Protein backbone atom coordinates (compact mmCIF):
# COMPACT_ATOMS: atom_id res chain seq x y z
CA UNK A 1 -27.06 -12.36 -35.57
CA UNK A 2 -25.64 -10.14 -38.10
CA UNK A 3 -21.96 -9.93 -39.51
CA UNK A 4 -21.37 -7.12 -37.58
CA UNK A 5 -17.28 -7.15 -38.62
CA UNK A 6 -15.55 -3.99 -41.11
CA UNK A 7 -12.25 -3.69 -41.97
CA UNK A 8 -10.05 -0.81 -42.52
CA UNK A 9 -7.30 -1.39 -45.06
CA UNK A 10 -6.03 -4.89 -43.26
CA UNK A 11 -7.58 -4.05 -39.83
CA UNK A 12 -10.29 -6.51 -38.43
CA UNK A 13 -13.19 -4.36 -36.07
CA UNK A 14 -16.05 -7.06 -34.37
CA UNK A 15 -18.11 -4.22 -35.06
CA UNK A 16 -18.76 -0.75 -36.58
CA UNK A 17 -18.51 1.14 -33.21
CA UNK A 18 -15.69 3.12 -31.11
CA UNK A 19 -15.38 5.88 -28.86
CA UNK A 20 -14.18 9.17 -29.81
CA UNK A 21 -10.89 10.73 -28.92
CA UNK A 22 -10.79 12.85 -25.48
CA UNK A 23 -14.20 11.21 -24.19
CA UNK A 24 -13.56 8.53 -22.18
CA UNK A 25 -9.83 9.14 -21.39
CA UNK A 26 -7.75 6.03 -22.02
CA UNK A 27 -10.21 3.44 -21.93
CA UNK A 28 -9.97 2.59 -18.54
CA UNK A 29 -11.77 4.96 -16.99
CA UNK A 30 -15.02 3.77 -18.01
CA UNK A 31 -13.90 -0.16 -17.69
CA UNK A 32 -15.85 -0.34 -14.51
CA UNK A 33 -19.23 0.05 -16.37
CA UNK A 34 -18.42 -1.32 -20.02
CA UNK A 35 -16.70 -4.25 -21.60
CA UNK A 36 -14.36 -2.98 -23.97
CA UNK A 37 -13.58 -5.91 -25.74
CA UNK A 38 -17.04 -5.58 -27.25
CA UNK A 39 -16.25 -2.68 -28.70
CA UNK A 40 -15.32 -2.40 -32.10
CA UNK A 41 -12.14 0.54 -31.05
CA UNK A 42 -11.41 2.46 -28.22
CA UNK A 43 -9.96 6.11 -29.76
CA UNK A 44 -8.16 7.00 -26.68
CA UNK A 45 -7.29 10.84 -25.21
CA UNK A 46 -5.19 12.74 -27.52
CA UNK A 47 -1.46 12.16 -26.94
CA UNK A 48 1.37 14.65 -27.52
CA UNK A 49 5.04 14.17 -27.26
CA UNK A 50 5.75 16.05 -23.93
CA UNK A 51 3.11 16.73 -21.12
CA UNK A 52 0.69 19.52 -21.33
CA UNK A 53 -1.44 20.79 -18.88
CA UNK A 54 -4.44 21.96 -20.62
CA UNK A 55 -5.98 25.43 -20.87
CA UNK A 56 -7.09 27.26 -17.68
CA UNK A 57 -10.45 26.41 -16.20
CA UNK A 58 -13.12 26.99 -16.89
CA UNK A 59 -13.01 24.78 -20.06
CA UNK A 60 -16.22 22.77 -20.45
CA UNK A 61 -19.58 24.49 -21.06
CA UNK A 62 -22.74 22.57 -21.85
CA UNK A 63 -24.79 24.64 -24.38
CA UNK A 64 -28.66 23.83 -26.26
CA UNK A 65 -28.19 19.90 -27.27
CA UNK A 66 -24.43 20.03 -27.03
CA UNK A 67 -21.29 20.69 -25.18
CA UNK A 68 -18.10 22.90 -25.53
CA UNK A 69 -14.83 21.51 -24.53
CA UNK A 70 -11.43 23.75 -24.74
CA UNK A 71 -9.60 21.01 -22.50
CA UNK A 72 -6.13 21.88 -24.68
CA UNK A 73 -4.73 18.17 -24.91
CA UNK A 74 -4.26 18.01 -21.26
CA UNK A 75 -2.26 14.63 -21.14
CA UNK A 76 1.00 13.28 -19.23
CA UNK A 77 2.85 12.66 -22.67
CA UNK A 78 3.98 9.51 -24.87
CA UNK A 79 6.28 8.59 -22.33
CA UNK A 80 3.66 8.18 -19.27
CA UNK A 81 1.49 6.67 -22.08
CA UNK A 82 3.90 3.88 -22.99
CA UNK A 83 5.60 3.05 -19.14
CA UNK A 84 1.81 3.49 -17.41
CA UNK A 85 -0.96 3.48 -19.91
CA UNK A 86 0.36 1.11 -23.00
CA UNK A 87 0.77 -2.07 -20.27
CA UNK A 88 -2.97 -1.34 -18.97
CA UNK A 89 -4.78 -2.09 -22.42
CA UNK A 90 -2.31 -4.09 -24.00
CA UNK A 91 -4.26 -7.38 -23.71
CA UNK A 92 -7.33 -6.15 -23.85
CA UNK A 93 -9.65 -7.80 -27.21
CA UNK A 94 -10.13 -4.40 -29.13
CA UNK A 95 -8.67 -1.95 -31.15
CA UNK A 96 -6.79 0.63 -29.28
CA UNK A 97 -5.99 3.56 -31.55
CA UNK A 98 -3.78 6.16 -30.23
CA UNK A 99 -4.90 10.09 -31.22
CA UNK A 100 -1.36 11.65 -32.25
CA UNK A 101 -0.84 15.38 -31.78
CA UNK A 102 1.83 18.02 -32.44
CA UNK A 103 2.77 21.71 -32.60
CA UNK A 104 5.22 20.87 -35.61
CA UNK A 105 5.59 18.38 -38.33
CA UNK A 106 8.88 16.81 -36.62
CA UNK A 107 6.28 16.67 -33.20
CA UNK A 108 4.09 14.55 -35.20
CA UNK A 109 6.92 12.48 -36.52
CA UNK A 110 9.02 11.66 -33.46
CA UNK A 111 5.64 10.85 -31.69
CA UNK A 112 4.19 8.20 -34.15
CA UNK A 113 7.70 6.77 -34.28
CA UNK A 114 7.21 5.88 -30.83
CA UNK A 115 3.76 4.85 -30.81
CA UNK A 116 5.16 2.63 -33.71
CA UNK A 117 7.04 0.66 -31.64
CA UNK A 118 3.99 -0.39 -29.65
CA UNK A 119 3.04 -3.89 -30.85
CA UNK A 120 -0.36 -3.77 -29.85
CA UNK A 121 -1.18 -0.75 -31.07
CA UNK A 122 -2.88 -1.38 -34.47
CA UNK A 123 -3.04 2.18 -35.52
CA UNK A 124 -3.14 5.67 -35.01
CA UNK A 125 -5.38 8.17 -35.74
CA UNK A 126 -3.60 11.79 -36.86
CA UNK A 127 -5.61 14.65 -35.50
CA UNK A 128 -4.58 17.74 -37.93
CA UNK A 129 -6.69 19.94 -35.96
CA UNK A 130 -3.98 21.25 -34.23
CA UNK A 131 -2.24 24.81 -34.73
CA UNK A 132 0.78 24.72 -36.56
CA UNK A 133 3.36 27.33 -34.23
CA UNK A 134 5.65 27.13 -37.40
CA UNK A 135 2.91 28.61 -39.84
CA UNK A 136 1.17 31.34 -37.30
CA UNK A 137 -0.85 28.92 -35.62
CA UNK A 138 -3.28 27.67 -38.52
CA UNK A 139 -4.45 24.14 -37.91
CA UNK A 140 -2.57 21.87 -40.03
CA UNK A 141 -5.80 20.38 -41.35
CA UNK A 142 -7.49 23.68 -42.94
CA UNK A 143 -5.49 23.47 -46.38
CA UNK A 144 -4.47 20.76 -48.67
CA UNK A 145 -0.90 21.63 -48.80
CA UNK A 146 -0.04 21.75 -44.79
CA UNK A 147 -2.51 18.56 -44.36
CA UNK A 148 -0.41 16.90 -47.45
CA UNK A 149 3.05 17.78 -44.97
CA UNK A 150 1.84 16.34 -42.08
CA UNK A 151 0.54 12.83 -43.50
CA UNK A 152 2.99 12.21 -45.68
CA UNK A 153 5.54 12.98 -43.32
CA UNK A 154 3.88 10.23 -40.54
CA UNK A 155 3.11 8.07 -43.66
CA UNK A 156 6.91 7.40 -44.42
CA UNK A 157 7.41 6.61 -40.93
CA UNK A 158 4.19 4.49 -39.67
CA UNK A 159 3.70 1.10 -41.21
CA UNK A 160 0.52 0.46 -39.68
CA UNK A 161 -3.63 1.53 -40.67
CA UNK A 162 -3.29 5.38 -40.60
CA UNK A 163 -6.47 7.47 -39.82
CA UNK A 164 -6.63 10.92 -40.74
CA UNK A 165 -8.84 12.94 -38.27
CA UNK A 166 -10.26 16.00 -40.53
CA UNK A 167 -11.58 19.50 -38.97
CA UNK A 168 -15.21 21.00 -40.27
CA UNK A 169 -13.45 24.41 -40.15
CA UNK A 170 -12.96 24.51 -43.29
CA UNK A 171 -14.11 25.77 -46.75
CA UNK A 172 -14.02 22.50 -48.56
CA UNK A 173 -13.81 19.40 -46.29
CA UNK A 174 -14.08 16.94 -49.38
CA UNK A 175 -10.70 18.28 -50.88
CA UNK A 176 -8.72 17.84 -47.42
CA UNK A 177 -10.08 14.37 -47.86
CA UNK A 178 -8.87 13.88 -50.91
CA UNK A 179 -5.13 15.51 -50.24
CA UNK A 180 -4.89 13.59 -47.42
CA UNK A 181 -6.00 10.35 -48.84
CA UNK A 182 -3.39 11.12 -51.89
CA UNK A 183 -0.72 10.99 -49.23
CA UNK A 184 -1.11 7.74 -48.12
CA UNK A 185 -4.29 7.80 -45.44
CA UNK A 186 -6.16 4.41 -45.19
CA UNK A 187 -9.21 6.06 -43.66
CA UNK A 188 -10.52 9.66 -42.83
CA UNK A 189 -12.41 9.75 -39.37
CA UNK A 190 -14.99 13.26 -39.48
CA UNK A 191 -16.25 15.48 -37.78
CA UNK A 192 -13.84 16.93 -35.19
CA UNK A 193 -15.70 19.75 -33.24
CA UNK A 194 -16.90 22.89 -34.76
CA UNK A 195 -15.78 26.42 -33.76
CA UNK A 196 -18.47 28.13 -31.33
CA UNK A 197 -18.38 30.18 -28.14
CA UNK A 198 -20.63 30.60 -25.00
CA UNK A 199 -21.51 34.02 -23.16
CA UNK A 200 -22.18 34.61 -19.28
CA UNK A 201 -25.12 37.37 -20.11
CA UNK A 202 -24.91 37.94 -15.79
CA UNK A 203 -21.21 38.45 -16.13
CA UNK A 204 -20.90 39.58 -19.57
CA UNK A 205 -17.75 37.21 -20.24
CA UNK A 206 -17.20 34.31 -21.93
CA UNK A 207 -18.19 30.98 -20.14
CA UNK A 208 -14.74 29.43 -21.25
CA UNK A 209 -11.21 30.88 -20.25
CA UNK A 210 -10.32 30.80 -23.60
CA UNK A 211 -13.35 32.57 -25.23
CA UNK A 212 -13.59 29.90 -27.77
CA UNK A 213 -13.99 25.89 -27.80
CA UNK A 214 -15.17 22.89 -29.44
CA UNK A 215 -19.02 22.50 -29.94
CA UNK A 216 -20.00 18.51 -30.12
CA UNK A 217 -23.03 16.84 -29.32
CA UNK A 218 -26.66 16.44 -31.56
CA UNK A 219 -26.46 20.24 -32.26
CA UNK A 220 -23.79 19.51 -35.07
CA UNK A 221 -25.29 15.97 -36.11
CA UNK A 222 -26.90 17.57 -39.56
CA UNK A 223 -23.78 19.02 -40.68
CA UNK A 224 -21.76 16.22 -39.38
CA UNK A 225 -23.50 14.01 -41.36
CA UNK A 226 -23.58 16.27 -44.69
CA UNK A 227 -19.84 16.55 -44.45
CA UNK A 228 -19.53 12.66 -43.81
CA UNK A 229 -21.72 11.70 -47.24
CA UNK A 230 -19.86 14.44 -48.93
CA UNK A 231 -16.50 13.08 -48.30
CA UNK A 232 -17.46 9.45 -48.90
CA UNK A 233 -18.32 10.38 -52.25
CA UNK A 234 -15.03 11.84 -52.93
CA UNK A 235 -12.71 9.40 -51.12
CA UNK A 236 -12.21 5.93 -51.74
CA UNK A 237 -10.52 4.93 -48.10
CA UNK A 238 -13.03 3.79 -45.57
CA UNK A 239 -14.65 6.74 -43.87
CA UNK A 240 -15.44 6.66 -40.14
CA UNK A 241 -18.17 9.43 -38.92
CA UNK A 242 -19.06 10.98 -35.86
CA UNK A 243 -21.00 14.46 -34.62
CA UNK A 244 -23.81 14.17 -32.65
CA UNK A 245 -23.97 10.09 -32.72
CA UNK A 246 -26.62 9.61 -29.87
CA UNK A 247 -28.59 5.72 -30.26
CA UNK A 248 -28.08 3.33 -33.26
CA UNK A 249 -30.56 5.35 -35.27
CA UNK A 250 -27.96 8.04 -35.61
CA UNK A 251 -25.31 5.94 -36.18
CA UNK A 252 -26.85 3.69 -38.94
CA UNK A 253 -27.91 7.19 -40.62
CA UNK A 254 -23.97 8.06 -40.94
CA UNK A 255 -23.23 4.60 -42.22
CA UNK A 256 -26.12 4.56 -45.35
CA UNK A 257 -24.48 8.07 -45.78
CA UNK A 258 -21.03 6.39 -46.35
CA UNK A 259 -19.22 6.05 -42.95
CA UNK A 260 -17.87 2.43 -42.78
CA UNK A 261 -17.65 2.80 -39.04
CA UNK A 262 -18.47 5.40 -36.19
CA UNK A 263 -17.32 6.86 -33.24
CA UNK A 264 -19.13 7.93 -30.16
CA UNK A 265 -18.45 10.50 -27.81
CA UNK A 266 -20.17 13.33 -26.20
CA UNK A 267 -23.06 10.87 -25.51
CA UNK A 268 -20.62 8.97 -23.21
CA UNK A 269 -20.63 11.71 -20.67
CA UNK A 270 -24.38 11.02 -20.37
CA UNK A 271 -24.19 7.03 -20.79
CA UNK A 272 -20.75 5.23 -20.68
CA UNK A 273 -23.02 2.32 -22.17
CA UNK A 274 -24.44 3.77 -25.18
CA UNK A 275 -21.82 2.64 -27.47
CA UNK A 276 -22.48 -0.90 -26.60
CA UNK A 277 -26.44 0.18 -26.85
CA UNK A 278 -25.64 1.04 -30.64
CA UNK A 279 -23.87 -2.11 -30.92
CA UNK A 280 -27.00 -4.16 -30.51
CA UNK A 281 -29.06 -1.46 -32.11
CA UNK A 282 -27.27 -1.99 -35.37
CA UNK A 283 -27.39 -5.43 -35.17
CA UNK A 284 -31.18 -5.12 -34.34
CA UNK A 285 -31.76 -2.89 -37.75
CA UNK A 286 -29.69 -5.29 -39.83
CA UNK A 287 -31.83 -8.39 -38.38
CA UNK A 288 -35.23 -6.27 -38.91
CA UNK A 289 -34.30 -5.54 -42.71
CA UNK A 290 -33.14 -8.73 -43.27
CA UNK A 291 -29.21 -7.74 -44.00
CA UNK A 292 -26.79 -9.99 -43.21
CA UNK A 293 -23.62 -8.09 -43.28
CA UNK A 294 -23.16 -4.47 -41.92
CA UNK A 295 -21.12 -3.85 -44.93
CA UNK A 296 -24.55 -3.80 -46.80
CA UNK A 297 -25.78 -0.64 -45.27
CA UNK A 298 -22.28 1.05 -45.96
CA UNK A 299 -22.94 4.07 -48.33
CA UNK A 300 -26.70 2.51 -49.21
CA UNK A 301 -28.50 5.94 -49.00
CA UNK A 302 -31.14 6.32 -51.81
CA UNK A 303 -30.75 9.25 -53.67
């Protein structure tokens, strides 16, 4: 078997395959079907400082080669996470990563400080696609100054590996990536969902209660792949790629384009074992091409 292990900063991953936030809850929701210890990591459902009900239904819609979601970060808040969820995952032999969200920089900081106290949470994924309520609702991650501000504040209170999740709904994602790298991000993950919408022609109404939502799935893969390649050329920190990864070939393409690791999201709704199938498929590819380590294919695209 090839060596599938990778590192992000000083954090060891047994393989480069993780779940994407929001697609398998806090991990235990798919534990009956998947041995979570065989994954490189589990990026858990978005967590906020306080309880959030999320958006009204309907908030998911199937689209050609993809899906729209507008769940709205429904979760019971960090107190519930610490009391009821953390004890169930802290001893699983994988990297359980908290996806951190906030509406103000102060919320991001307070939530991060709470997570920093948990010994068995080895990293956070900072979601800067959240709306900044103090700046009229514009997402933190759509401009360099706002992205820098939130990453700088979180970096000041967080000592473990800091992954920053980037929004694709920007003019130049490489500039945003460089900006957060400059403020101390240890890695960037991309892409989050693209803004889209669906319409019911018969009722002449939007399908989603929020009108627009986040598009994911195979439909976004070519754009996500391009963005990962661009960012990998622009930064020195590891890149985690996602966006329409449905099988091992998709994952390998992202790694050839420069991703150190990948996250699998929408595919889990089809079959929760797909991430493990991808781990096996990457190993088969490495052995077939006589690579001894997965690190040999990172950024190995011949252009």
